Structures are given as C-alpha cells and as structure tokens.
Protein backbone atom coordinates (compact mmCIF):
# COMPACT_ATOMS: atom_id res chain seq x y z
CA UNK A 1 41.56 35.21 -62.51
CA UNK A 2 42.30 31.49 -62.60
CA UNK A 3 45.61 30.50 -60.98
CA UNK A 4 47.71 27.83 -62.73
CA UNK A 5 49.05 24.85 -60.79
CA UNK A 6 52.86 24.81 -60.86
CA UNK A 7 53.37 21.70 -58.74
CA UNK A 8 50.46 19.33 -59.32
CA UNK A 9 51.16 16.95 -56.40
CA UNK A 10 51.78 19.69 -53.82
CA UNK A 11 48.78 21.69 -55.01
CA UNK A 12 46.49 18.64 -54.94
CA UNK A 13 47.51 17.87 -51.36
CA UNK A 14 46.89 21.48 -50.37
CA UNK A 15 43.43 21.39 -51.93
CA UNK A 16 42.60 18.09 -50.19
CA UNK A 17 43.62 19.62 -46.86
CA UNK A 18 41.34 22.59 -47.49
CA UNK A 19 38.39 20.43 -48.55
CA UNK A 20 38.80 18.44 -45.32
CA UNK A 21 38.09 21.69 -43.41
CA UNK A 22 34.80 22.31 -45.24
CA UNK A 23 32.03 21.35 -42.77
CA UNK A 24 30.04 19.08 -45.10
CA UNK A 25 33.15 17.37 -46.55
CA UNK A 26 35.23 16.89 -43.42
CA UNK A 27 34.19 13.31 -42.69
CA UNK A 28 35.10 11.88 -46.09
CA UNK A 29 37.98 9.52 -46.85
CA UNK A 30 41.13 10.97 -48.37
CA UNK A 31 40.46 9.11 -51.62
CA UNK A 32 37.06 10.81 -52.04
CA UNK A 33 38.52 14.21 -51.20
CA UNK A 34 41.32 13.63 -53.70
CA UNK A 35 38.79 12.87 -56.45
CA UNK A 36 36.97 16.11 -55.67
CA UNK A 37 40.23 18.08 -55.45
CA UNK A 38 41.18 16.87 -58.92
CA UNK A 39 38.23 18.86 -60.30
CA UNK A 40 38.73 22.18 -58.47
CA UNK A 41 40.23 25.29 -60.01
CA UNK A 42 41.92 28.05 -58.07
CA UNK A 43 41.01 31.70 -58.65
CA UNK A 44 42.08 35.08 -57.32
CA UNK A 45 39.71 38.02 -56.90
CA UNK A 46 40.64 41.60 -56.05
CA UNK A 47 38.78 43.45 -53.31
CA UNK A 48 35.25 44.30 -54.50
CA UNK A 49 35.44 42.02 -57.54
CA UNK A 50 32.26 39.99 -58.15
CA UNK A 51 32.48 36.22 -57.72
CA UNK A 52 28.82 35.32 -58.28
CA UNK A 53 26.38 37.89 -59.67
CA UNK A 54 22.76 37.97 -58.56
CA UNK A 55 20.49 36.30 -61.12
CA UNK A 56 23.32 34.51 -62.92
CA UNK A 57 23.76 30.76 -63.13
CA UNK A 58 26.17 29.14 -60.68
CA UNK A 59 29.11 27.11 -61.95
CA UNK A 60 29.80 25.42 -58.63
CA UNK A 61 30.57 25.85 -54.95
CA UNK A 62 33.12 28.54 -54.11
CA UNK A 63 35.44 27.71 -51.18
CA UNK A 64 37.64 30.36 -49.58
CA UNK A 65 41.35 29.52 -49.43
CA UNK A 66 42.57 32.83 -48.05
CA UNK A 67 41.01 36.22 -47.62
CA UNK A 68 37.31 36.85 -47.14
CA UNK A 69 34.20 37.11 -49.31
CA UNK A 70 30.74 38.42 -48.59
CA UNK A 71 27.20 37.97 -49.89
CA UNK A 72 25.14 41.14 -50.26
CA UNK A 73 21.79 42.40 -51.47
CA UNK A 74 21.45 45.87 -53.00
CA UNK A 75 18.03 47.45 -53.33
CA UNK A 76 16.87 49.44 -56.35
CA UNK A 77 17.37 52.55 -54.24
CA UNK A 78 20.97 51.62 -53.44
CA UNK A 79 20.52 50.35 -49.89
CA UNK A 80 23.14 47.77 -49.02
CA UNK A 81 22.65 44.71 -46.79
CA UNK A 82 25.48 42.29 -45.98
CA UNK A 83 23.91 38.87 -45.53
CA UNK A 84 27.01 36.80 -44.85
CA UNK A 85 30.77 37.16 -44.47
CA UNK A 86 32.84 34.07 -45.24
CA UNK A 87 36.44 33.31 -44.27
CA UNK A 88 38.87 30.44 -44.86
CA UNK A 89 37.19 27.08 -45.63
CA UNK A 90 33.80 28.80 -45.83
CA UNK A 91 31.57 28.30 -48.86
CA UNK A 92 28.97 30.07 -50.94
CA UNK A 93 26.52 29.09 -53.71
CA UNK A 94 25.84 25.64 -52.27
CA UNK A 95 22.05 25.98 -52.42
CA UNK A 96 22.16 27.16 -56.04
CA UNK A 97 24.38 24.21 -56.95
CA UNK A 98 21.91 21.77 -55.42
CA UNK A 99 18.71 23.14 -56.96
CA UNK A 100 20.22 24.41 -60.22
CA UNK A 101 18.80 27.89 -59.65
CA UNK A 102 20.42 31.26 -60.18
CA UNK A 103 22.45 33.04 -57.53
CA UNK A 104 19.98 34.87 -55.25
CA UNK A 105 22.50 37.55 -54.22
CA UNK A 106 25.79 39.14 -55.19
CA UNK A 107 28.92 37.53 -53.76
CA UNK A 108 32.11 39.57 -53.94
CA UNK A 109 35.63 39.59 -52.53
CA UNK A 110 35.68 41.52 -49.25
CA UNK A 111 39.48 41.75 -49.50
CA UNK A 112 41.94 40.37 -52.06
CA UNK A 113 41.12 36.65 -51.87
CA UNK A 114 41.95 33.22 -53.28
CA UNK A 115 39.08 30.76 -53.71
CA UNK A 116 38.52 27.30 -55.12
CA UNK A 117 35.69 26.48 -57.49
CA UNK A 118 34.29 22.98 -57.04
CA UNK A 119 32.21 22.35 -60.18
CA UNK A 120 28.54 21.51 -59.77
CA UNK A 121 28.80 18.25 -61.71
CA UNK A 122 31.67 16.99 -59.56
CA UNK A 123 29.79 17.64 -56.32
CA UNK A 124 26.55 16.06 -57.55
CA UNK A 125 28.43 12.97 -58.72
CA UNK A 126 30.09 12.70 -55.31
CA UNK A 127 26.69 12.94 -53.58
CA UNK A 128 25.34 10.14 -55.77
CA UNK A 129 28.36 7.98 -54.96
CA UNK A 130 28.38 8.67 -51.21
CA UNK A 131 25.00 9.53 -49.57
CA UNK A 132 26.82 10.66 -46.42
CA UNK A 133 27.71 13.86 -48.26
CA UNK A 134 24.02 14.59 -48.81
CA UNK A 135 23.27 14.07 -45.11
CA UNK A 136 26.18 16.32 -44.11
CA UNK A 137 25.01 19.01 -46.54
CA UNK A 138 21.47 18.84 -45.11
CA UNK A 139 22.84 19.37 -41.60
CA UNK A 140 25.06 22.21 -42.78
CA UNK A 141 22.22 23.98 -44.61
CA UNK A 142 19.94 23.46 -41.62
CA UNK A 143 22.47 25.22 -39.42
CA UNK A 144 22.80 28.05 -41.94
CA UNK A 145 19.01 28.39 -42.17
CA UNK A 146 18.78 28.61 -38.39
CA UNK A 147 21.38 31.36 -38.36
CA UNK A 148 19.65 33.30 -41.14
CA UNK A 149 16.31 32.98 -39.31
CA UNK A 150 17.86 34.45 -36.15
CA UNK A 151 19.35 37.26 -38.23
CA UNK A 152 15.96 38.01 -39.81
CA UNK A 153 14.28 38.07 -36.40
CA UNK A 154 16.93 40.44 -35.07
CA UNK A 155 16.56 42.81 -38.02
CA UNK A 156 12.77 42.84 -37.92
CA UNK A 157 12.05 42.85 -34.18
CA UNK A 158 14.95 44.84 -32.67
CA UNK A 159 15.79 48.50 -33.04
CA UNK A 160 19.31 49.42 -34.16
CA UNK A 161 20.62 49.96 -30.63
CA UNK A 162 19.47 46.48 -29.59
CA UNK A 163 20.96 44.96 -32.77
CA UNK A 164 24.31 46.55 -31.98
CA UNK A 165 24.13 45.31 -28.39
CA UNK A 166 23.35 41.75 -29.51
CA UNK A 167 26.11 41.89 -32.13
CA UNK A 168 28.66 42.90 -29.46
CA UNK A 169 27.50 40.11 -27.14
CA UNK A 170 27.82 37.50 -29.88
CA UNK A 171 31.24 38.79 -30.95
CA UNK A 172 32.40 38.76 -27.33
CA UNK A 173 31.41 35.09 -27.05
CA UNK A 174 33.09 34.28 -30.36
CA UNK A 175 36.32 36.28 -30.23
CA UNK A 176 36.42 38.34 -27.05
CA UNK A 177 39.21 38.29 -24.48
CA UNK A 178 38.21 38.44 -20.82
CA UNK A 179 40.33 40.64 -18.58
CA UNK A 180 41.07 40.26 -14.89
CA UNK A 181 38.54 42.99 -14.05
CA UNK A 182 35.73 41.01 -15.71
CA UNK A 183 35.44 43.19 -18.81
CA UNK A 184 35.59 41.57 -22.24
CA UNK A 185 37.72 43.20 -24.90
CA UNK A 186 37.28 42.67 -28.63
CA UNK A 187 38.29 44.27 -31.90
CA UNK A 188 35.43 45.16 -34.22
CA UNK A 189 35.61 42.84 -37.27
CA UNK A 190 35.34 45.55 -39.91
CA UNK A 191 34.71 49.23 -40.46
CA UNK A 192 31.66 50.93 -38.97
CA UNK A 193 30.18 51.19 -42.46
CA UNK A 194 30.58 47.46 -43.10
CA UNK A 195 29.17 46.50 -39.70
CA UNK A 196 26.25 48.86 -40.21
CA UNK A 197 25.43 47.10 -43.48
CA UNK A 198 25.57 43.74 -41.70
CA UNK A 199 23.02 45.02 -39.20
CA UNK A 200 20.69 46.58 -41.77
CA UNK A 201 21.38 50.23 -41.05
CA UNK A 202 23.64 53.15 -42.02
CA UNK A 203 27.07 54.06 -40.63
CA UNK A 204 25.84 57.22 -38.87
CA UNK A 205 23.05 55.31 -37.10
CA UNK A 206 25.46 52.53 -36.10
CA UNK A 207 27.90 55.11 -34.70
CA UNK A 208 25.12 56.78 -32.69
CA UNK A 209 24.13 53.44 -31.20
CA UNK A 210 27.72 52.77 -30.12
CA UNK A 211 27.95 56.24 -28.55
CA UNK A 212 24.70 55.63 -26.71
CA UNK A 213 25.99 52.35 -25.25
CA UNK A 214 29.21 54.08 -24.26
CA UNK A 215 27.44 57.07 -22.67
CA UNK A 216 25.21 54.73 -20.62
CA UNK A 217 28.19 52.77 -19.31
CA UNK A 218 27.70 49.48 -21.14
CA UNK A 219 30.94 49.70 -23.11
CA UNK A 220 34.17 51.60 -23.54
CA UNK A 221 35.42 52.29 -27.03
CA UNK A 222 38.80 53.31 -28.39
CA UNK A 223 38.82 53.43 -32.18
CA UNK A 224 38.14 49.90 -33.46
CA UNK A 225 38.36 48.19 -30.06
CA UNK A 226 35.46 47.79 -27.64
CA UNK A 227 35.51 46.75 -23.98
CA UNK A 228 32.22 45.41 -22.65
CA UNK A 229 31.87 46.15 -18.95
CA UNK A 230 29.05 43.71 -18.22
CA UNK A 231 28.16 41.21 -20.91
CA UNK A 232 25.02 40.07 -19.06
CA UNK A 233 23.71 43.63 -18.84
CA UNK A 234 24.32 44.14 -22.54
CA UNK A 235 22.51 40.89 -23.36
CA UNK A 236 19.54 41.96 -21.22
CA UNK A 237 19.44 45.23 -23.15
CA UNK A 238 19.42 43.39 -26.48
CA UNK A 239 16.64 41.04 -25.36
CA UNK A 240 14.43 43.73 -23.83
CA UNK A 241 14.31 46.05 -26.86
C-alpha cells in the first residue's frame, strides 16, 4: 500500500536522512540526495506480504524505513531458504535494477514494515550524473557478494551443528554482551524456525544442534537467550567440522 505524503517538506527531509544512511548513497551531497528523494514513494507491507516476486520485473530499489524484510527461495518441494534479512536503511533488488533482469528470489515483509521505492530510472540517471555512485555501488555489491560466498561455503561444507556454532559466534561478535565472568550473552534474532531456514535446515534439526551444544557445555540456553561460555571454543568447533 502506497502511503501519501501529508507534509511534503517534512517528508522530503525524512527521506533524505534515510537515503544518507544507505551505504552506497551516504557520501553524496544533500542536493543530490534531495533530487533522489523527490522520486521515492513510501509503501507499507503487512507481515508476509510480497514486495518483489521471483521472476517478476523490478520497479526499483526498495529501502527499509522501519521494520524488516527478507529474501527467500522456495523449492518446488516446499523447502524454504532465507537468503538475507534486511533492516532499517537496508536495500533489496539493486542488482536487478542495474542489469534490468527479473527478481531472482521472493522478497517479503518479515514483520509489518514501511519501505521506500527508489525508481530504477531515477537511480540510473543519478549514476550517469555522478560516477561516484557507481563506484560506491560496486563496493557495496562486492561486499554483499563476499558475504553470500561465505554463506554458501558454510552451507555446503559444514554440518548443521557447525553452522549453528558459527552463527552463534558471528552473532556474539555483532550483538553480544560480555559479562564479568567472560561469557557472552545474546538474544536469538528470530524464532528457531526462522533461524533454521537461514541456516538451510529444519526447526527440529536446529533445535537438536542447540541442545547438543548445551549438553556439551559450549552454551547455556534459556528460551530465546543464549550464553556462550567460551567463544573461542565455539569458533574452533565451527572451523573443525
């Protein structure tokens, strides 16, 4: 659902501020950001509502204002793989905008979310006018490609227990809180079913892997919160499997 602008000046400033937080747009002058912001439209999507459908053409780059969206692949047999989860100022469909191809995966609202649509034509015109945007996009996509390559390696070369161990180590580095006793506490960023789909497995298998790590003394778990006793030991486990 497209959201109307009630106060044009205030809304434009808000959109400029958001565009400034987008990695490949952050270094641009306010005047350039304002020109781009003049083209965006604001949309709301309910949880589970499709934003970009696999195989469909892409109208532009979607930028998260609030909430969270995710990109997924669903096999013919119904298996579900979460490829990416995107929060505020994150984007999707950039590659499809650049090459003019169809969306390679389904992107949907993970929770009720508000997103901006930056039309393809507006972004391409901005790239032509300011080559720095193209360089910034290349760096951004290179970083994303590196991350996806690491994810592919993890899925193909590690068993589920090692994937879960590596996931916990990475989450601890990203969002964990170290306690005085040296343990690192973190809240799992989603349900066990959702995390299982991120790691290319099923909820029951993910839960068994967590129990195994708990039984062997690597972690403690209380509902959605995990305490890692020795991060280095858990990393060694992930790397050795």
